[in-house]
């Protein structure tokens, strides 16, 4: 299914982490060159997560995308970046942790 209903719930299920702060934005590409993937995801997380939690979130997202969009594991690429406290603005205010 190309519709995103349920993707967040699948991510929560596969990662074992609550979904209240999870957000997924899906953008379609008209063209891809080089090594091809059906789904490329940039996962941005606060650097307060433990290495185990980061692993759970990124692997869980890959599994959720594979399941939700009926993709093989080899068709999904997740790239994770950790963001330091103070480098996020939400609601017009810097967020610290």
PDB file of N, CA and C in Angstrom:
ATOM      1  N   UNK A   1       0.843  -1.188   0.000  1.00  0.00           N
ATOM      2  CA  UNK A   1       0.000   0.000   0.000  1.00  0.00           C
ATOM      3  C   UNK A   1       0.881   1.241   0.000  1.00  0.00           C
ATOM      4  N   UNK A   2       0.584   2.194  -0.884  1.00  0.00           N
ATOM      5  CA  UNK A   2       1.397   3.405  -0.935  1.00  0.00           C
ATOM      6  C   UNK A   2       0.868   4.437   0.054  1.00  0.00           C
ATOM      7  N   UNK A   3      -0.269   4.157   0.676  1.00  0.00           N
ATOM      8  CA  UNK A   3      -0.824   5.109   1.642  1.00  0.00           C
ATOM      9  C   UNK A   3      -0.108   4.931   2.981  1.00  0.00           C
ATOM     10  N   UNK A   4       0.097   6.027   3.681  1.00  0.00           N
ATOM     11  CA  UNK A   4       0.970   6.003   4.866  1.00  0.00           C
ATOM     12  C   UNK A   4       0.236   5.680   6.161  1.00  0.00           C
ATOM     13  N   UNK A   5      -1.048   5.420   6.103  1.00  0.00           N
ATOM     14  CA  UNK A   5      -1.779   5.063   7.308  1.00  0.00           C
ATOM     15  C   UNK A   5      -1.165   3.807   7.909  1.00  0.00           C
ATOM     16  N   UNK A   6      -0.832   3.880   9.170  1.00  0.00           N
ATOM     17  CA  UNK A   6      -0.290   2.709   9.840  1.00  0.00           C
ATOM     18  C   UNK A   6       1.226   2.611   9.846  1.00  0.00           C
ATOM     19  N   UNK A   7       1.923   3.440   9.067  1.00  0.00           N
ATOM     20  CA  UNK A   7       3.387   3.365   9.014  1.00  0.00           C
ATOM     21  C   UNK A   7       4.010   3.682  10.373  1.00  0.00           C
ATOM     22  N   UNK A   8       3.513   4.720  11.043  1.00  0.00           N
ATOM     23  CA  UNK A   8       4.046   5.087  12.362  1.00  0.00           C
ATOM     24  C   UNK A   8       3.825   3.942  13.358  1.00  0.00           C
ATOM     25  N   UNK A   9       2.634   3.353  13.317  1.00  0.00           N
ATOM     26  CA  UNK A   9       2.343   2.248  14.230  1.00  0.00           C
ATOM     27  C   UNK A   9       3.284   1.065  13.983  1.00  0.00           C
ATOM     28  N   UNK A  10       3.557   0.783  12.708  1.00  0.00           N
ATOM     29  CA  UNK A  10       4.487  -0.309  12.376  1.00  0.00           C
ATOM     30  C   UNK A  10       5.896   0.023  12.872  1.00  0.00           C
ATOM     31  N   UNK A  11       6.301   1.277  12.741  1.00  0.00           N
ATOM     32  CA  UNK A  11       7.622   1.694  13.218  1.00  0.00           C
ATOM     33  C   UNK A  11       7.718   1.487  14.733  1.00  0.00           C
ATOM     34  N   UNK A  12       6.687   1.897  15.445  1.00  0.00           N
ATOM     35  CA  UNK A  12       6.657   1.700  16.892  1.00  0.00           C
ATOM     36  C   UNK A  12       6.723   0.225  17.264  1.00  0.00           C
ATOM     37  N   UNK A  13       5.975  -0.589  16.546  1.00  0.00           N
ATOM     38  CA  UNK A  13       5.944  -2.036  16.815  1.00  0.00           C
ATOM     39  C   UNK A  13       7.331  -2.648  16.576  1.00  0.00           C
ATOM     40  N   UNK A  14       7.951  -2.323  15.452  1.00  0.00           N
ATOM     41  CA  UNK A  14       9.243  -2.921  15.104  1.00  0.00           C
ATOM     42  C   UNK A  14      10.400  -2.377  15.949  1.00  0.00           C
ATOM     43  N   UNK A  15      10.272  -1.134  16.426  1.00  0.00           N
ATOM     44  CA  UNK A  15      11.361  -0.546  17.220  1.00  0.00           C
ATOM     45  C   UNK A  15      11.189  -0.789  18.712  1.00  0.00           C
ATOM     46  N   UNK A  16       9.945  -1.052  19.132  1.00  0.00           N
ATOM     47  CA  UNK A  16       9.677  -1.217  20.552  1.00  0.00           C
ATOM     48  C   UNK A  16       9.696   0.096  21.311  1.00  0.00           C
ATOM     49  N   UNK A  17       9.547   1.214  20.590  1.00  0.00           N
ATOM     50  CA  UNK A  17       9.613   2.552  21.193  1.00  0.00           C
ATOM     51  C   UNK A  17       8.296   3.277  20.903  1.00  0.00           C
ATOM     52  N   UNK A  18       7.829   4.047  21.875  1.00  0.00           N
ATOM     53  CA  UNK A  18       6.560   4.774  21.742  1.00  0.00           C
ATOM     54  C   UNK A  18       6.548   5.711  20.540  1.00  0.00           C
ATOM     55  N   UNK A  19       5.369   5.919  19.985  1.00  0.00           N
ATOM     56  CA  UNK A  19       5.234   6.670  18.730  1.00  0.00           C
ATOM     57  C   UNK A  19       4.873   8.146  18.903  1.00  0.00           C
ATOM     58  N   UNK A  20       4.740   8.638  20.125  1.00  0.00           N
ATOM     59  CA  UNK A  20       4.213   9.998  20.330  1.00  0.00           C
ATOM     60  C   UNK A  20       5.065  11.097  19.677  1.00  0.00           C
ATOM     61  N   UNK A  21       6.359  10.875  19.513  1.00  0.00           N
ATOM     62  CA  UNK A  21       7.224  11.895  18.915  1.00  0.00           C
ATOM     63  C   UNK A  21       7.711  11.523  17.517  1.00  0.00           C
ATOM     64  N   UNK A  22       7.167  10.449  16.937  1.00  0.00           N
ATOM     65  CA  UNK A  22       7.608  10.002  15.612  1.00  0.00           C
ATOM     66  C   UNK A  22       6.889  10.764  14.515  1.00  0.00           C
ATOM     67  N   UNK A  23       7.645  11.160  13.490  1.00  0.00           N
ATOM     68  CA  UNK A  23       7.092  11.830  12.326  1.00  0.00           C
ATOM     69  C   UNK A  23       7.735  11.227  11.082  1.00  0.00           C
ATOM     70  N   UNK A  24       6.937  10.955  10.067  1.00  0.00           N
ATOM     71  CA  UNK A  24       7.444  10.478   8.785  1.00  0.00           C
ATOM     72  C   UNK A  24       6.898  11.391   7.706  1.00  0.00           C
ATOM     73  N   UNK A  25       7.779  11.869   6.837  1.00  0.00           N
ATOM     74  CA  UNK A  25       7.383  12.645   5.669  1.00  0.00           C
ATOM     75  C   UNK A  25       7.777  11.840   4.445  1.00  0.00           C
ATOM     76  N   UNK A  26       6.828  11.588   3.565  1.00  0.00           N
ATOM     77  CA  UNK A  26       7.098  10.814   2.356  1.00  0.00           C
ATOM     78  C   UNK A  26       7.157  11.774   1.179  1.00  0.00           C
ATOM     79  N   UNK A  27       8.260  11.688   0.437  1.00  0.00           N
ATOM     80  CA  UNK A  27       8.422  12.500  -0.772  1.00  0.00           C
ATOM     81  C   UNK A  27       8.699  11.544  -1.930  1.00  0.00           C
ATOM     82  N   UNK A  28       8.044  11.760  -3.009  1.00  0.00           N
ATOM     83  CA  UNK A  28       8.232  10.922  -4.196  1.00  0.00           C
ATOM     84  C   UNK A  28       9.333  11.529  -5.070  1.00  0.00           C
ATOM     85  N   UNK A  29      10.090  10.674  -5.714  1.00  0.00           N
ATOM     86  CA  UNK A  29      11.159  11.112  -6.599  1.00  0.00           C
ATOM     87  C   UNK A  29      10.782  10.801  -8.044  1.00  0.00           C
ATOM     88  N   UNK A  30      11.040  11.744  -8.923  1.00  0.00           N
ATOM     89  CA  UNK A  30      10.774  11.505 -10.336  1.00  0.00           C
ATOM     90  C   UNK A  30      11.885  10.688 -10.979  1.00  0.00           C
ATOM     91  N   UNK A  31      13.093  10.828 -10.431  1.00  0.00           N
ATOM     92  CA  UNK A  31      14.231  10.182 -11.055  1.00  0.00           C
ATOM     93  C   UNK A  31      15.288   9.869 -10.008  1.00  0.00           C
ATOM     94  N   UNK A  32      15.962   8.733 -10.187  1.00  0.00           N
ATOM     95  CA  UNK A  32      17.043   8.342  -9.285  1.00  0.00           C
ATOM     96  C   UNK A  32      18.169   7.797 -10.145  1.00  0.00           C
ATOM     97  N   UNK A  33      19.384   8.267  -9.899  1.00  0.00           N
ATOM     98  CA  UNK A  33      20.538   7.785 -10.643  1.00  0.00           C
ATOM     99  C   UNK A  33      21.495   7.087  -9.697  1.00  0.00           C
ATOM    100  N   UNK A  34      22.380   6.268 -10.222  1.00  0.00           N
ATOM    101  CA  UNK A  34      23.308   5.537  -9.369  1.00  0.00           C
ATOM    102  C   UNK A  34      22.628   4.322  -8.773  1.00  0.00           C
ATOM    103  N   UNK A  35      23.122   3.901  -7.608  1.00  0.00           N
ATOM    104  CA  UNK A  35      22.542   2.731  -6.941  1.00  0.00           C
ATOM    105  C   UNK A  35      21.099   3.048  -6.570  1.00  0.00           C
ATOM    106  N   UNK A  36      20.197   2.180  -6.964  1.00  0.00           N
ATOM    107  CA  UNK A  36      18.776   2.455  -6.772  1.00  0.00           C
ATOM    108  C   UNK A  36      18.223   1.822  -5.504  1.00  0.00           C
ATOM    109  N   UNK A  37      17.366   2.575  -4.830  1.00  0.00           N
ATOM    110  CA  UNK A  37      16.619   2.108  -3.664  1.00  0.00           C
ATOM    111  C   UNK A  37      15.165   2.487  -3.875  1.00  0.00           C
ATOM    112  N   UNK A  38      14.266   1.661  -3.381  1.00  0.00           N
ATOM    113  CA  UNK A  38      12.841   1.998  -3.459  1.00  0.00           C
ATOM    114  C   UNK A  38      12.458   2.998  -2.384  1.00  0.00           C
ATOM    115  N   UNK A  39      13.201   2.983  -1.256  1.00  0.00           N
ATOM    116  CA  UNK A  39      12.955   3.936  -0.175  1.00  0.00           C
ATOM    117  C   UNK A  39      14.294   4.371   0.416  1.00  0.00           C
ATOM    118  N   UNK A  40      14.507   5.678   0.459  1.00  0.00           N
ATOM    119  CA  UNK A  40      15.682   6.261   1.112  1.00  0.00           C
ATOM    120  C   UNK A  40      15.159   7.151   2.225  1.00  0.00           C
ATOM    121  N   UNK A  41      15.651   6.910   3.430  1.00  0.00           N
ATOM    122  CA  UNK A  41      15.144   7.649   4.585  1.00  0.00           C
ATOM    123  C   UNK A  41      16.271   8.339   5.325  1.00  0.00           C
ATOM    124  N   UNK A  42      16.055   9.599   5.648  1.00  0.00           N
ATOM    125  CA  UNK A  42      16.947  10.347   6.521  1.00  0.00           C
ATOM    126  C   UNK A  42      16.281  10.388   7.891  1.00  0.00           C
ATOM    127  N   UNK A  43      16.896   9.729   8.854  1.00  0.00           N
ATOM    128  CA  UNK A  43      16.356   9.665  10.215  1.00  0.00           C
ATOM    129  C   UNK A  43      17.178  10.613  11.082  1.00  0.00           C
ATOM    130  N   UNK A  44      16.518  11.603  11.665  1.00  0.00           N
ATOM    131  CA  UNK A  44      17.191  12.583  12.513  1.00  0.00           C
ATOM    132  C   UNK A  44      16.709  12.391  13.942  1.00  0.00           C
ATOM    133  N   UNK A  45      17.670  12.160  14.838  1.00  0.00           N
ATOM    134  CA  UNK A  45      17.342  11.868  16.239  1.00  0.00           C
ATOM    135  C   UNK A  45      18.116  12.772  17.179  1.00  0.00           C
ATOM    136  N   UNK A  46      17.533  13.125  18.338  1.00  0.00           N
ATOM    137  CA  UNK A  46      18.287  13.848  19.358  1.00  0.00           C
ATOM    138  C   UNK A  46      19.421  12.963  19.874  1.00  0.00           C
ATOM    139  N   UNK A  47      20.573  13.563  20.162  1.00  0.00           N
ATOM    140  CA  UNK A  47      21.726  12.766  20.588  1.00  0.00           C
ATOM    141  C   UNK A  47      21.617  12.238  22.013  1.00  0.00           C
ATOM    142  N   UNK A  48      20.458  12.399  22.634  1.00  0.00           N
ATOM    143  CA  UNK A  48      20.264  11.847  23.978  1.00  0.00           C
ATOM    144  C   UNK A  48      19.887  10.372  23.950  1.00  0.00           C
ATOM    145  N   UNK A  49      19.549   9.841  22.778  1.00  0.00           N
ATOM    146  CA  UNK A  49      19.214   8.425  22.669  1.00  0.00           C
ATOM    147  C   UNK A  49      20.458   7.575  22.876  1.00  0.00           C
ATOM    148  N   UNK A  50      20.293   6.441  23.549  1.00  0.00           N
ATOM    149  CA  UNK A  50      21.398   5.492  23.742  1.00  0.00           C
ATOM    150  C   UNK A  50      21.691   4.815  22.401  1.00  0.00           C
ATOM    151  N   UNK A  51      22.916   4.288  22.234  1.00  0.00           N
ATOM    152  CA  UNK A  51      23.220   3.558  20.999  1.00  0.00           C
ATOM    153  C   UNK A  51      22.229   2.422  20.729  1.00  0.00           C
ATOM    154  N   UNK A  52      21.781   1.734  21.779  1.00  0.00           N
ATOM    155  CA  UNK A  52      20.808   0.642  21.614  1.00  0.00           C
ATOM    156  C   UNK A  52      19.477   1.176  21.078  1.00  0.00           C
ATOM    157  N   UNK A  53      19.028   2.324  21.612  1.00  0.00           N
ATOM    158  CA  UNK A  53      17.764   2.913  21.155  1.00  0.00           C
ATOM    159  C   UNK A  53      17.881   3.419  19.721  1.00  0.00           C
ATOM    160  N   UNK A  54      19.020   4.032  19.384  1.00  0.00           N
ATOM    161  CA  UNK A  54      19.241   4.496  18.003  1.00  0.00           C
ATOM    162  C   UNK A  54      19.151   3.297  17.057  1.00  0.00           C
ATOM    163  N   UNK A  55      19.799   2.196  17.424  1.00  0.00           N
ATOM    164  CA  UNK A  55      19.753   0.987  16.613  1.00  0.00           C
ATOM    165  C   UNK A  55      18.318   0.487  16.462  1.00  0.00           C
ATOM    166  N   UNK A  56      17.578   0.449  17.558  1.00  0.00           N
ATOM    167  CA  UNK A  56      16.182  -0.010  17.519  1.00  0.00           C
ATOM    168  C   UNK A  56      15.334   0.870  16.608  1.00  0.00           C
ATOM    169  N   UNK A  57      15.538   2.177  16.693  1.00  0.00           N
ATOM    170  CA  UNK A  57      14.756   3.111  15.872  1.00  0.00           C
ATOM    171  C   UNK A  57      15.084   2.983  14.390  1.00  0.00           C
ATOM    172  N   UNK A  58      16.379   2.901  14.047  1.00  0.00           N
ATOM    173  CA  UNK A  58      16.708   2.849  12.621  1.00  0.00           C
ATOM    174  C   UNK A  58      16.384   1.487  12.002  1.00  0.00           C
ATOM    175  N   UNK A  59      16.642   0.415  12.714  1.00  0.00           N
ATOM    176  CA  UNK A  59      16.305  -0.921  12.196  1.00  0.00           C
ATOM    177  C   UNK A  59      14.779  -1.094  12.165  1.00  0.00           C
ATOM    178  N   UNK A  60      14.098  -0.590  13.194  1.00  0.00           N
ATOM    179  CA  UNK A  60      12.638  -0.661  13.225  1.00  0.00           C
ATOM    180  C   UNK A  60      12.005   0.108  12.084  1.00  0.00           C
ATOM    181  N   UNK A  61      12.581   1.272  11.751  1.00  0.00           N
ATOM    182  CA  UNK A  61      12.059   2.060  10.627  1.00  0.00           C
ATOM    183  C   UNK A  61      12.268   1.314   9.316  1.00  0.00           C
ATOM    184  N   UNK A  62      13.428   0.715   9.143  1.00  0.00           N
ATOM    185  CA  UNK A  62      13.685  -0.056   7.916  1.00  0.00           C
ATOM    186  C   UNK A  62      12.680  -1.198   7.786  1.00  0.00           C
ATOM    187  N   UNK A  63      12.426  -1.912   8.871  1.00  0.00           N
ATOM    188  CA  UNK A  63      11.460  -3.023   8.843  1.00  0.00           C
ATOM    189  C   UNK A  63      10.050  -2.524   8.559  1.00  0.00           C
ATOM    190  N   UNK A  64       9.688  -1.391   9.191  1.00  0.00           N
ATOM    191  CA  UNK A  64       8.349  -0.829   8.978  1.00  0.00           C
ATOM    192  C   UNK A  64       8.146  -0.411   7.525  1.00  0.00           C
ATOM    193  N   UNK A  65       9.158   0.237   6.942  1.00  0.00           N
ATOM    194  CA  UNK A  65       9.058   0.652   5.536  1.00  0.00           C
ATOM    195  C   UNK A  65       8.950  -0.563   4.618  1.00  0.00           C
ATOM    196  N   UNK A  66       9.766  -1.581   4.885  1.00  0.00           N
ATOM    197  CA  UNK A  66       9.712  -2.803   4.071  1.00  0.00           C
ATOM    198  C   UNK A  66       8.331  -3.441   4.135  1.00  0.00           C
ATOM    199  N   UNK A  67       7.804  -3.553   5.356  1.00  0.00           N
ATOM    200  CA  UNK A  67       6.488  -4.164   5.542  1.00  0.00           C
ATOM    201  C   UNK A  67       5.389  -3.317   4.911  1.00  0.00           C
ATOM    202  N   UNK A  68       5.405  -2.036   5.198  1.00  0.00           N
ATOM    203  CA  UNK A  68       4.324  -1.144   4.775  1.00  0.00           C
ATOM    204  C   UNK A  68       4.224  -1.006   3.254  1.00  0.00           C
ATOM    205  N   UNK A  69       5.393  -0.903   2.617  1.00  0.00           N
ATOM    206  CA  UNK A  69       5.410  -0.691   1.163  1.00  0.00           C
ATOM    207  C   UNK A  69       5.732  -1.971   0.387  1.00  0.00           C
ATOM    208  N   UNK A  70       5.745  -3.132   1.072  1.00  0.00           N
ATOM    209  CA  UNK A  70       6.030  -4.431   0.448  1.00  0.00           C
ATOM    210  C   UNK A  70       7.360  -4.414  -0.307  1.00  0.00           C
ATOM    211  N   UNK A  71       8.419  -3.994   0.394  1.00  0.00           N
ATOM    212  CA  UNK A  71       9.759  -3.907  -0.194  1.00  0.00           C
ATOM    213  C   UNK A  71      10.666  -4.969   0.407  1.00  0.00           C
ATOM    214  N   UNK A  72      11.694  -5.347  -0.340  1.00  0.00           N
ATOM    215  CA  UNK A  72      12.735  -6.224   0.191  1.00  0.00           C
ATOM    216  C   UNK A  72      13.651  -5.365   1.069  1.00  0.00           C
ATOM    217  N   UNK A  73      14.291  -5.998   2.049  1.00  0.00           N
ATOM    218  CA  UNK A  73      15.229  -5.275   2.919  1.00  0.00           C
ATOM    219  C   UNK A  73      16.300  -4.544   2.111  1.00  0.00           C
ATOM    220  N   UNK A  74      16.734  -5.146   1.009  1.00  0.00           N
ATOM    221  CA  UNK A  74      17.796  -4.557   0.179  1.00  0.00           C
ATOM    222  C   UNK A  74      17.338  -3.317  -0.589  1.00  0.00           C
ATOM    223  N   UNK A  75      16.033  -3.053  -0.606  1.00  0.00           N
ATOM    224  CA  UNK A  75      15.492  -1.895  -1.320  1.00  0.00           C
ATOM    225  C   UNK A  75      15.349  -0.661  -0.421  1.00  0.00           C
ATOM    226  N   UNK A  76      15.720  -0.805   0.861  1.00  0.00           N
ATOM    227  CA  UNK A  76      15.517   0.282   1.832  1.00  0.00           C
ATOM    228  C   UNK A  76      16.870   0.751   2.377  1.00  0.00           C
ATOM    229  N   UNK A  77      17.092   2.051   2.361  1.00  0.00           N
ATOM    230  CA  UNK A  77      18.312   2.652   2.913  1.00  0.00           C
ATOM    231  C   UNK A  77      17.913   3.657   3.988  1.00  0.00           C
ATOM    232  N   UNK A  78      18.467   3.508   5.188  1.00  0.00           N
ATOM    233  CA  UNK A  78      18.234   4.447   6.291  1.00  0.00           C
ATOM    234  C   UNK A  78      19.573   5.112   6.612  1.00  0.00           C
ATOM    235  N   UNK A  79      19.600   6.444   6.653  1.00  0.00           N
ATOM    236  CA  UNK A  79      20.788   7.200   7.050  1.00  0.00           C
ATOM    237  C   UNK A  79      20.422   8.007   8.295  1.00  0.00           C
ATOM    238  N   UNK A  80      21.119   7.760   9.387  1.00  0.00           N
ATOM    239  CA  UNK A  80      20.776   8.372  10.669  1.00  0.00           C
ATOM    240  C   UNK A  80      21.754   9.468  11.036  1.00  0.00           C
ATOM    241  N   UNK A  81      21.217  10.606  11.470  1.00  0.00           N
ATOM    242  CA  UNK A  81      22.013  11.731  11.984  1.00  0.00           C
ATOM    243  C   UNK A  81      21.562  12.033  13.405  1.00  0.00           C
ATOM    244  N   UNK A  82      22.521  12.323  14.275  1.00  0.00           N
ATOM    245  CA  UNK A  82      22.210  12.706  15.651  1.00  0.00           C
ATOM    246  C   UNK A  82      22.379  14.212  15.794  1.00  0.00           C
ATOM    247  N   UNK A  83      21.397  14.854  16.404  1.00  0.00           N
ATOM    248  CA  UNK A  83      21.364  16.309  16.562  1.00  0.00           C
ATOM    249  C   UNK A  83      21.598  16.669  18.024  1.00  0.00           C
ATOM    250  N   UNK A  84      22.476  17.646  18.252  1.00  0.00           N
ATOM    251  CA  UNK A  84      22.788  18.095  19.609  1.00  0.00           C
ATOM    252  C   UNK A  84      21.682  19.006  20.154  1.00  0.00           C
ATOM    253  N   UNK A  85      21.597  19.064  21.474  1.00  0.00           N
ATOM    254  CA  UNK A  85      20.662  19.958  22.156  1.00  0.00           C
ATOM    255  C   UNK A  85      20.863  21.391  21.672  1.00  0.00           C
ATOM    256  N   UNK A  86      19.748  22.094  21.447  1.00  0.00           N
ATOM    257  CA  UNK A  86      19.816  23.484  21.010  1.00  0.00           C
ATOM    258  C   UNK A  86      19.839  23.657  19.498  1.00  0.00           C
ATOM    259  N   UNK A  87      19.909  22.564  18.745  1.00  0.00           N
ATOM    260  CA  UNK A  87      19.949  22.648  17.288  1.00  0.00           C
ATOM    261  C   UNK A  87      18.613  22.285  16.648  1.00  0.00           C
ATOM    262  N   UNK A  88      17.542  22.416  17.430  1.00  0.00           N
ATOM    263  CA  UNK A  88      16.188  22.187  16.948  1.00  0.00           C
ATOM    264  C   UNK A  88      15.343  23.380  17.369  1.00  0.00           C
ATOM    265  N   UNK A  89      14.517  23.870  16.452  1.00  0.00           N
ATOM    266  CA  UNK A  89      13.553  24.921  16.775  1.00  0.00           C
ATOM    267  C   UNK A  89      12.167  24.356  16.503  1.00  0.00           C
ATOM    268  N   UNK A  90      11.329  24.382  17.528  1.00  0.00           N
ATOM    269  CA  UNK A  90       9.955  23.893  17.410  1.00  0.00           C
ATOM    270  C   UNK A  90       9.045  24.921  18.050  1.00  0.00           C
ATOM    271  N   UNK A  91       7.999  25.307  17.351  1.00  0.00           N
ATOM    272  CA  UNK A  91       7.081  26.303  17.878  1.00  0.00           C
ATOM    273  C   UNK A  91       7.767  27.645  18.114  1.00  0.00           C
ATOM    274  N   UNK A  92       8.800  27.934  17.332  1.00  0.00           N
ATOM    275  CA  UNK A  92       9.494  29.217  17.442  1.00  0.00           C
ATOM    276  C   UNK A  92      10.525  29.285  18.567  1.00  0.00           C
ATOM    277  N   UNK A  93      10.728  28.164  19.266  1.00  0.00           N
ATOM    278  CA  UNK A  93      11.676  28.163  20.386  1.00  0.00           C
ATOM    279  C   UNK A  93      12.712  27.061  20.223  1.00  0.00           C
ATOM    280  N   UNK A  94      13.948  27.374  20.623  1.00  0.00           N
ATOM    281  CA  UNK A  94      14.989  26.358  20.621  1.00  0.00           C
ATOM    282  C   UNK A  94      14.642  25.276  21.631  1.00  0.00           C
ATOM    283  N   UNK A  95      14.885  24.045  21.242  1.00  0.00           N
ATOM    284  CA  UNK A  95      14.596  22.913  22.117  1.00  0.00           C
ATOM    285  C   UNK A  95      15.900  22.393  22.698  1.00  0.00           C
ATOM    286  N   UNK A  96      15.922  22.230  24.004  1.00  0.00           N
ATOM    287  CA  UNK A  96      17.106  21.693  24.688  1.00  0.00           C
ATOM    288  C   UNK A  96      16.730  20.411  25.406  1.00  0.00           C
ATOM    289  N   UNK A  97      17.714  19.526  25.523  1.00  0.00           N
ATOM    290  CA  UNK A  97      17.510  18.293  26.282  1.00  0.00           C
ATOM    291  C   UNK A  97      18.731  17.973  27.077  1.00  0.00           C
TER     292      UNK A  97
END
